[in-house]
Structure formats: C-alpha cells, structure tokens
C-alpha cells in the first residue's frame, strides 16, 4: 500500500471551521455550502460520491482509517469550548 494518506490536521480556531482557512479551505467551504443549499438529497449524493472516491483511492482498510480520522477530528471539535 502507498504511504500515509493526506488527511489534513484541523487548523481553524472556530467551531464553524471558517477561521484560519487557506485558499483550498475556502474553496472547499464554498463547495460544501453550495451543495448544502441544494438540499439534503444533494448532500447525501455528494457524501456517497466522496465515500466511493475514498474507497477507490485507499481500499477498504485505508477508507476505514480516513473515516476514523475524520470522526476523531469531529469529536475533538465538539469538545472544544466556543471562543
């Protein structure tokens, strides 16, 4: 299997994820906002598309590691006090 997966560390200061975003982060946030405005069906479709892409790129074990990392990051964000 290839080297470590490119899962970025959380760099923002706010729970909304907007603070401290670079150009790529801002583009990602805008893309997410655009999908969210299309409704829950579009969000579900995009979620399935991304899961399929992760599975294709990293295989089942790599996919599980990426998802575990994301869940861990989300749990840490929920534990952070609002600033």
PDB file of N, CA and C in Angstrom:
ATOM      1  N   UNK A   1       0.840  -1.177   0.000  1.00  0.00           N
ATOM      2  CA  UNK A   1       0.000   0.000   0.000  1.00  0.00           C
ATOM      3  C   UNK A   1       0.884   1.240   0.000  1.00  0.00           C
ATOM      4  N   UNK A   2       0.362   2.321  -0.503  1.00  0.00           N
ATOM      5  CA  UNK A   2       1.096   3.581  -0.601  1.00  0.00           C
ATOM      6  C   UNK A   2       1.375   4.152   0.784  1.00  0.00           C
ATOM      7  N   UNK A   3       2.090   5.244   0.823  1.00  0.00           N
ATOM      8  CA  UNK A   3       2.459   5.904   2.075  1.00  0.00           C
ATOM      9  C   UNK A   3       1.259   6.453   2.812  1.00  0.00           C
ATOM     10  N   UNK A   4       1.511   7.311   3.783  1.00  0.00           N
ATOM     11  CA  UNK A   4       0.424   7.846   4.600  1.00  0.00           C
ATOM     12  C   UNK A   4      -0.581   8.631   3.758  1.00  0.00           C
ATOM     13  N   UNK A   5      -1.822   8.584   4.197  1.00  0.00           N
ATOM     14  CA  UNK A   5      -2.885   9.274   3.485  1.00  0.00           C
ATOM     15  C   UNK A   5      -2.852  10.760   3.813  1.00  0.00           C
ATOM     16  N   UNK A   6      -3.183  11.605   2.847  1.00  0.00           N
ATOM     17  CA  UNK A   6      -3.155  13.047   3.073  1.00  0.00           C
ATOM     18  C   UNK A   6      -4.397  13.529   3.809  1.00  0.00           C
ATOM     19  N   UNK A   7      -4.449  13.312   5.113  1.00  0.00           N
ATOM     20  CA  UNK A   7      -5.571  13.809   5.909  1.00  0.00           C
ATOM     21  C   UNK A   7      -5.074  15.010   6.694  1.00  0.00           C
ATOM     22  N   UNK A   8      -5.518  16.216   6.325  1.00  0.00           N
ATOM     23  CA  UNK A   8      -5.007  17.422   6.976  1.00  0.00           C
ATOM     24  C   UNK A   8      -5.459  17.519   8.419  1.00  0.00           C
ATOM     25  N   UNK A   9      -4.629  18.115   9.232  1.00  0.00           N
ATOM     26  CA  UNK A   9      -4.977  18.371  10.623  1.00  0.00           C
ATOM     27  C   UNK A   9      -5.893  19.591  10.683  1.00  0.00           C
ATOM     28  N   UNK A  10      -6.711  19.681  11.703  1.00  0.00           N
ATOM     29  CA  UNK A  10      -7.580  20.829  11.904  1.00  0.00           C
ATOM     30  C   UNK A  10      -6.725  22.038  12.236  1.00  0.00           C
ATOM     31  N   UNK A  11      -6.965  23.155  11.540  1.00  0.00           N
ATOM     32  CA  UNK A  11      -6.167  24.350  11.758  1.00  0.00           C
ATOM     33  C   UNK A  11      -6.993  25.554  12.161  1.00  0.00           C
ATOM     34  N   UNK A  12      -8.304  25.460  12.150  1.00  0.00           N
ATOM     35  CA  UNK A  12      -9.133  26.622  12.447  1.00  0.00           C
ATOM     36  C   UNK A  12      -9.251  26.898  13.933  1.00  0.00           C
ATOM     37  N   UNK A  13      -9.734  28.083  14.244  1.00  0.00           N
ATOM     38  CA  UNK A  13      -9.920  28.467  15.639  1.00  0.00           C
ATOM     39  C   UNK A  13     -11.374  28.402  16.068  1.00  0.00           C
ATOM     40  N   UNK A  14     -12.299  28.327  15.121  1.00  0.00           N
ATOM     41  CA  UNK A  14     -13.716  28.347  15.461  1.00  0.00           C
ATOM     42  C   UNK A  14     -14.387  27.030  15.157  1.00  0.00           C
ATOM     43  N   UNK A  15     -15.492  26.797  15.817  1.00  0.00           N
ATOM     44  CA  UNK A  15     -16.221  25.552  15.599  1.00  0.00           C
ATOM     45  C   UNK A  15     -16.855  25.491  14.222  1.00  0.00           C
ATOM     46  N   UNK A  16     -17.047  26.643  13.589  1.00  0.00           N
ATOM     47  CA  UNK A  16     -17.646  26.621  12.256  1.00  0.00           C
ATOM     48  C   UNK A  16     -16.653  26.242  11.171  1.00  0.00           C
ATOM     49  N   UNK A  17     -15.383  26.145  11.501  1.00  0.00           N
ATOM     50  CA  UNK A  17     -14.378  25.716  10.539  1.00  0.00           C
ATOM     51  C   UNK A  17     -13.938  26.792   9.564  1.00  0.00           C
ATOM     52  N   UNK A  18     -14.371  28.019   9.738  1.00  0.00           N
ATOM     53  CA  UNK A  18     -14.022  29.078   8.791  1.00  0.00           C
ATOM     54  C   UNK A  18     -12.753  29.819   9.183  1.00  0.00           C
ATOM     55  N   UNK A  19     -12.443  29.904  10.441  1.00  0.00           N
ATOM     56  CA  UNK A  19     -11.272  30.658  10.885  1.00  0.00           C
ATOM     57  C   UNK A  19      -9.997  29.963  10.437  1.00  0.00           C
ATOM     58  N   UNK A  20      -9.087  30.731   9.895  1.00  0.00           N
ATOM     59  CA  UNK A  20      -7.787  30.192   9.532  1.00  0.00           C
ATOM     60  C   UNK A  20      -7.766  29.371   8.256  1.00  0.00           C
ATOM     61  N   UNK A  21      -8.797  29.473   7.421  1.00  0.00           N
ATOM     62  CA  UNK A  21      -8.813  28.691   6.186  1.00  0.00           C
ATOM     63  C   UNK A  21      -7.913  29.338   5.147  1.00  0.00           C
ATOM     64  N   UNK A  22      -7.170  28.510   4.427  1.00  0.00           N
ATOM     65  CA  UNK A  22      -6.356  28.998   3.324  1.00  0.00           C
ATOM     66  C   UNK A  22      -7.198  28.967   2.048  1.00  0.00           C
ATOM     67  N   UNK A  23      -6.582  29.207   0.905  1.00  0.00           N
ATOM     68  CA  UNK A  23      -7.312  29.229  -0.364  1.00  0.00           C
ATOM     69  C   UNK A  23      -8.042  27.935  -0.653  1.00  0.00           C
ATOM     70  N   UNK A  24      -7.369  26.788  -0.449  1.00  0.00           N
ATOM     71  CA  UNK A  24      -8.016  25.496  -0.683  1.00  0.00           C
ATOM     72  C   UNK A  24      -9.160  25.279   0.295  1.00  0.00           C
ATOM     73  N   UNK A  25      -8.958  25.667   1.544  1.00  0.00           N
ATOM     74  CA  UNK A  25     -10.001  25.514   2.550  1.00  0.00           C
ATOM     75  C   UNK A  25     -11.221  26.358   2.240  1.00  0.00           C
ATOM     76  N   UNK A  26     -10.980  27.578   1.761  1.00  0.00           N
ATOM     77  CA  UNK A  26     -12.101  28.442   1.396  1.00  0.00           C
ATOM     78  C   UNK A  26     -12.867  27.878   0.204  1.00  0.00           C
ATOM     79  N   UNK A  27     -12.148  27.357  -0.784  1.00  0.00           N
ATOM     80  CA  UNK A  27     -12.825  26.744  -1.934  1.00  0.00           C
ATOM     81  C   UNK A  27     -13.644  25.535  -1.496  1.00  0.00           C
ATOM     82  N   UNK A  28     -13.079  24.742  -0.599  1.00  0.00           N
ATOM     83  CA  UNK A  28     -13.804  23.569  -0.100  1.00  0.00           C
ATOM     84  C   UNK A  28     -15.047  23.996   0.667  1.00  0.00           C
ATOM     85  N   UNK A  29     -14.920  25.030   1.506  1.00  0.00           N
ATOM     86  CA  UNK A  29     -16.065  25.529   2.277  1.00  0.00           C
ATOM     87  C   UNK A  29     -17.150  26.035   1.342  1.00  0.00           C
ATOM     88  N   UNK A  30     -16.763  26.778   0.301  1.00  0.00           N
ATOM     89  CA  UNK A  30     -17.755  27.300  -0.650  1.00  0.00           C
ATOM     90  C   UNK A  30     -18.450  26.169  -1.402  1.00  0.00           C
ATOM     91  N   UNK A  31     -17.688  25.148  -1.780  1.00  0.00           N
ATOM     92  CA  UNK A  31     -18.284  23.998  -2.469  1.00  0.00           C
ATOM     93  C   UNK A  31     -19.272  23.281  -1.555  1.00  0.00           C
ATOM     94  N   UNK A  32     -18.899  23.100  -0.288  1.00  0.00           N
ATOM     95  CA  UNK A  32     -19.789  22.457   0.673  1.00  0.00           C
ATOM     96  C   UNK A  32     -21.051  23.283   0.877  1.00  0.00           C
ATOM     97  N   UNK A  33     -20.896  24.592   1.008  1.00  0.00           N
ATOM     98  CA  UNK A  33     -22.056  25.462   1.172  1.00  0.00           C
ATOM     99  C   UNK A  33     -22.982  25.384  -0.042  1.00  0.00           C
ATOM    100  N   UNK A  34     -22.400  25.335  -1.248  1.00  0.00           N
ATOM    101  CA  UNK A  34     -23.208  25.252  -2.469  1.00  0.00           C
ATOM    102  C   UNK A  34     -24.006  23.956  -2.505  1.00  0.00           C
ATOM    103  N   UNK A  35     -23.393  22.846  -2.131  1.00  0.00           N
ATOM    104  CA  UNK A  35     -24.104  21.563  -2.101  1.00  0.00           C
ATOM    105  C   UNK A  35     -25.193  21.602  -1.036  1.00  0.00           C
ATOM    106  N   UNK A  36     -24.877  22.165   0.121  1.00  0.00           N
ATOM    107  CA  UNK A  36     -25.860  22.231   1.212  1.00  0.00           C
ATOM    108  C   UNK A  36     -27.095  23.022   0.803  1.00  0.00           C
ATOM    109  N   UNK A  37     -26.901  24.083   0.034  1.00  0.00           N
ATOM    110  CA  UNK A  37     -28.043  24.893  -0.413  1.00  0.00           C
ATOM    111  C   UNK A  37     -28.948  24.126  -1.371  1.00  0.00           C
ATOM    112  N   UNK A  38     -28.419  23.080  -2.010  1.00  0.00           N
ATOM    113  CA  UNK A  38     -29.223  22.288  -2.944  1.00  0.00           C
ATOM    114  C   UNK A  38     -30.147  21.310  -2.228  1.00  0.00           C
ATOM    115  N   UNK A  39     -29.956  21.136  -0.939  1.00  0.00           N
ATOM    116  CA  UNK A  39     -30.855  20.294  -0.167  1.00  0.00           C
ATOM    117  C   UNK A  39     -30.223  19.001   0.300  1.00  0.00           C
ATOM    118  N   UNK A  40     -30.950  18.274   1.153  1.00  0.00           N
ATOM    119  CA  UNK A  40     -30.409  17.057   1.754  1.00  0.00           C
ATOM    120  C   UNK A  40     -30.098  15.952   0.747  1.00  0.00           C
ATOM    121  N   UNK A  41     -30.861  15.887  -0.341  1.00  0.00           N
ATOM    122  CA  UNK A  41     -30.579  14.851  -1.341  1.00  0.00           C
ATOM    123  C   UNK A  41     -29.220  15.085  -1.993  1.00  0.00           C
ATOM    124  N   UNK A  42     -28.901  16.341  -2.273  1.00  0.00           N
ATOM    125  CA  UNK A  42     -27.604  16.667  -2.879  1.00  0.00           C
ATOM    126  C   UNK A  42     -26.467  16.368  -1.909  1.00  0.00           C
ATOM    127  N   UNK A  43     -26.688  16.652  -0.630  1.00  0.00           N
ATOM    128  CA  UNK A  43     -25.664  16.358   0.379  1.00  0.00           C
ATOM    129  C   UNK A  43     -25.429  14.856   0.453  1.00  0.00           C
ATOM    130  N   UNK A  44     -26.514  14.076   0.461  1.00  0.00           N
ATOM    131  CA  UNK A  44     -26.381  12.616   0.519  1.00  0.00           C
ATOM    132  C   UNK A  44     -25.661  12.079  -0.721  1.00  0.00           C
ATOM    133  N   UNK A  45     -26.009  12.613  -1.887  1.00  0.00           N
ATOM    134  CA  UNK A  45     -25.357  12.180  -3.126  1.00  0.00           C
ATOM    135  C   UNK A  45     -23.858  12.505  -3.105  1.00  0.00           C
ATOM    136  N   UNK A  46     -23.510  13.696  -2.655  1.00  0.00           N
ATOM    137  CA  UNK A  46     -22.094  14.084  -2.586  1.00  0.00           C
ATOM    138  C   UNK A  46     -21.348  13.247  -1.554  1.00  0.00           C
ATOM    139  N   UNK A  47     -21.997  12.942  -0.438  1.00  0.00           N
ATOM    140  CA  UNK A  47     -21.381  12.088   0.582  1.00  0.00           C
ATOM    141  C   UNK A  47     -21.067  10.713   0.007  1.00  0.00           C
ATOM    142  N   UNK A  48     -22.014  10.128  -0.695  1.00  0.00           N
ATOM    143  CA  UNK A  48     -21.789   8.820  -1.316  1.00  0.00           C
ATOM    144  C   UNK A  48     -20.689   8.882  -2.367  1.00  0.00           C
ATOM    145  N   UNK A  49     -20.656   9.973  -3.138  1.00  0.00           N
ATOM    146  CA  UNK A  49     -19.615  10.130  -4.147  1.00  0.00           C
ATOM    147  C   UNK A  49     -18.234  10.193  -3.497  1.00  0.00           C
ATOM    148  N   UNK A  50     -18.117  10.955  -2.410  1.00  0.00           N
ATOM    149  CA  UNK A  50     -16.821  11.080  -1.730  1.00  0.00           C
ATOM    150  C   UNK A  50     -16.412   9.761  -1.081  1.00  0.00           C
ATOM    151  N   UNK A  51     -17.357   9.050  -0.484  1.00  0.00           N
ATOM    152  CA  UNK A  51     -17.031   7.753   0.109  1.00  0.00           C
ATOM    153  C   UNK A  51     -16.548   6.779  -0.959  1.00  0.00           C
ATOM    154  N   UNK A  52     -17.203   6.797  -2.112  1.00  0.00           N
ATOM    155  CA  UNK A  52     -16.782   5.926  -3.215  1.00  0.00           C
ATOM    156  C   UNK A  52     -15.376   6.275  -3.681  1.00  0.00           C
ATOM    157  N   UNK A  53     -15.087   7.564  -3.763  1.00  0.00           N
ATOM    158  CA  UNK A  53     -13.757   8.003  -4.196  1.00  0.00           C
ATOM    159  C   UNK A  53     -12.689   7.603  -3.178  1.00  0.00           C
ATOM    160  N   UNK A  54     -12.974   7.764  -1.892  1.00  0.00           N
ATOM    161  CA  UNK A  54     -12.020   7.340  -0.855  1.00  0.00           C
ATOM    162  C   UNK A  54     -11.773   5.838  -0.931  1.00  0.00           C
ATOM    163  N   UNK A  55     -12.825   5.084  -1.127  1.00  0.00           N
ATOM    164  CA  UNK A  55     -12.696   3.631  -1.236  1.00  0.00           C
ATOM    165  C   UNK A  55     -11.859   3.248  -2.456  1.00  0.00           C
ATOM    166  N   UNK A  56     -12.088   3.938  -3.564  1.00  0.00           N
ATOM    167  CA  UNK A  56     -11.318   3.671  -4.783  1.00  0.00           C
ATOM    168  C   UNK A  56      -9.838   4.018  -4.582  1.00  0.00           C
ATOM    169  N   UNK A  57      -9.566   5.150  -3.936  1.00  0.00           N
ATOM    170  CA  UNK A  57      -8.183   5.601  -3.757  1.00  0.00           C
ATOM    171  C   UNK A  57      -7.402   4.763  -2.755  1.00  0.00           C
ATOM    172  N   UNK A  58      -8.041   4.410  -1.622  1.00  0.00           N
ATOM    173  CA  UNK A  58      -7.307   3.835  -0.500  1.00  0.00           C
ATOM    174  C   UNK A  58      -7.660   2.392  -0.179  1.00  0.00           C
ATOM    175  N   UNK A  59      -8.669   1.822  -0.841  1.00  0.00           N
ATOM    176  CA  UNK A  59      -9.095   0.477  -0.493  1.00  0.00           C
ATOM    177  C   UNK A  59      -9.897   0.494   0.797  1.00  0.00           C
ATOM    178  N   UNK A  60     -10.426  -0.673   1.171  1.00  0.00           N
ATOM    179  CA  UNK A  60     -11.299  -0.755   2.337  1.00  0.00           C
ATOM    180  C   UNK A  60     -10.589  -0.360   3.626  1.00  0.00           C
ATOM    181  N   UNK A  61      -9.390  -0.865   3.856  1.00  0.00           N
ATOM    182  CA  UNK A  61      -8.678  -0.559   5.103  1.00  0.00           C
ATOM    183  C   UNK A  61      -8.292   0.913   5.173  1.00  0.00           C
ATOM    184  N   UNK A  62      -7.830   1.467   4.058  1.00  0.00           N
ATOM    185  CA  UNK A  62      -7.495   2.888   4.027  1.00  0.00           C
ATOM    186  C   UNK A  62      -8.719   3.759   4.234  1.00  0.00           C
ATOM    187  N   UNK A  63      -9.829   3.360   3.615  1.00  0.00           N
ATOM    188  CA  UNK A  63     -11.091   4.081   3.789  1.00  0.00           C
ATOM    189  C   UNK A  63     -11.473   4.119   5.266  1.00  0.00           C
ATOM    190  N   UNK A  64     -11.363   2.967   5.937  1.00  0.00           N
ATOM    191  CA  UNK A  64     -11.713   2.907   7.356  1.00  0.00           C
ATOM    192  C   UNK A  64     -10.815   3.823   8.187  1.00  0.00           C
ATOM    193  N   UNK A  65      -9.519   3.906   7.837  1.00  0.00           N
ATOM    194  CA  UNK A  65      -8.610   4.798   8.566  1.00  0.00           C
ATOM    195  C   UNK A  65      -8.981   6.263   8.352  1.00  0.00           C
ATOM    196  N   UNK A  66      -9.314   6.628   7.115  1.00  0.00           N
ATOM    197  CA  UNK A  66      -9.700   8.012   6.828  1.00  0.00           C
ATOM    198  C   UNK A  66     -10.967   8.375   7.599  1.00  0.00           C
ATOM    199  N   UNK A  67     -11.969   7.507   7.569  1.00  0.00           N
ATOM    200  CA  UNK A  67     -13.227   7.773   8.271  1.00  0.00           C
ATOM    201  C   UNK A  67     -12.982   7.873   9.778  1.00  0.00           C
ATOM    202  N   UNK A  68     -12.163   6.985  10.332  1.00  0.00           N
ATOM    203  CA  UNK A  68     -11.848   7.041  11.765  1.00  0.00           C
ATOM    204  C   UNK A  68     -11.164   8.359  12.112  1.00  0.00           C
ATOM    205  N   UNK A  69     -10.260   8.831  11.251  1.00  0.00           N
ATOM    206  CA  UNK A  69      -9.567  10.102  11.485  1.00  0.00           C
ATOM    207  C   UNK A  69     -10.558  11.253  11.451  1.00  0.00           C
ATOM    208  N   UNK A  70     -11.462  11.243  10.482  1.00  0.00           N
ATOM    209  CA  UNK A  70     -12.470  12.302  10.399  1.00  0.00           C
ATOM    210  C   UNK A  70     -13.370  12.304  11.629  1.00  0.00           C
ATOM    211  N   UNK A  71     -13.807  11.119  12.054  1.00  0.00           N
ATOM    212  CA  UNK A  71     -14.665  11.032  13.239  1.00  0.00           C
ATOM    213  C   UNK A  71     -13.929  11.524  14.477  1.00  0.00           C
ATOM    214  N   UNK A  72     -12.648  11.194  14.585  1.00  0.00           N
ATOM    215  CA  UNK A  72     -11.836  11.661  15.702  1.00  0.00           C
ATOM    216  C   UNK A  72     -11.722  13.186  15.682  1.00  0.00           C
ATOM    217  N   UNK A  73     -11.470  13.752  14.500  1.00  0.00           N
ATOM    218  CA  UNK A  73     -11.373  15.208  14.374  1.00  0.00           C
ATOM    219  C   UNK A  73     -12.692  15.880  14.750  1.00  0.00           C
ATOM    220  N   UNK A  74     -13.814  15.313  14.297  1.00  0.00           N
ATOM    221  CA  UNK A  74     -15.121  15.882  14.633  1.00  0.00           C
ATOM    222  C   UNK A  74     -15.385  15.822  16.135  1.00  0.00           C
ATOM    223  N   UNK A  75     -15.015  14.718  16.764  1.00  0.00           N
ATOM    224  CA  UNK A  75     -15.199  14.590  18.211  1.00  0.00           C
ATOM    225  C   UNK A  75     -14.377  15.648  18.945  1.00  0.00           C
ATOM    226  N   UNK A  76     -13.147  15.882  18.487  1.00  0.00           N
ATOM    227  CA  UNK A  76     -12.309  16.919  19.108  1.00  0.00           C
ATOM    228  C   UNK A  76     -12.934  18.291  18.941  1.00  0.00           C
ATOM    229  N   UNK A  77     -13.500  18.560  17.765  1.00  0.00           N
ATOM    230  CA  UNK A  77     -14.134  19.856  17.531  1.00  0.00           C
ATOM    231  C   UNK A  77     -15.334  20.057  18.445  1.00  0.00           C
ATOM    232  N   UNK A  78     -16.110  19.004  18.647  1.00  0.00           N
ATOM    233  CA  UNK A  78     -17.289  19.111  19.515  1.00  0.00           C
ATOM    234  C   UNK A  78     -16.898  19.348  20.966  1.00  0.00           C
ATOM    235  N   UNK A  79     -15.722  18.873  21.356  1.00  0.00           N
ATOM    236  CA  UNK A  79     -15.258  19.042  22.735  1.00  0.00           C
ATOM    237  C   UNK A  79     -14.683  20.427  22.996  1.00  0.00           C
ATOM    238  N   UNK A  80     -14.294  21.141  21.939  1.00  0.00           N
ATOM    239  CA  UNK A  80     -13.677  22.458  22.108  1.00  0.00           C
ATOM    240  C   UNK A  80     -14.711  23.460  22.593  1.00  0.00           C
ATOM    241  N   UNK A  81     -14.363  24.281  23.575  1.00  0.00           N
ATOM    242  CA  UNK A  81     -15.303  25.317  24.019  1.00  0.00           C
ATOM    243  C   UNK A  81     -15.424  26.409  22.959  1.00  0.00           C
ATOM    244  N   UNK A  82     -16.602  26.997  22.859  1.00  0.00           N
ATOM    245  CA  UNK A  82     -16.804  28.106  21.923  1.00  0.00           C
ATOM    246  C   UNK A  82     -15.933  29.275  22.347  1.00  0.00           C
ATOM    247  N   UNK A  83     -15.367  29.961  21.366  1.00  0.00           N
ATOM    248  CA  UNK A  83     -14.470  31.087  21.674  1.00  0.00           C
ATOM    249  C   UNK A  83     -15.119  32.394  21.366  1.00  0.00           C
TER     250      UNK A  83
END
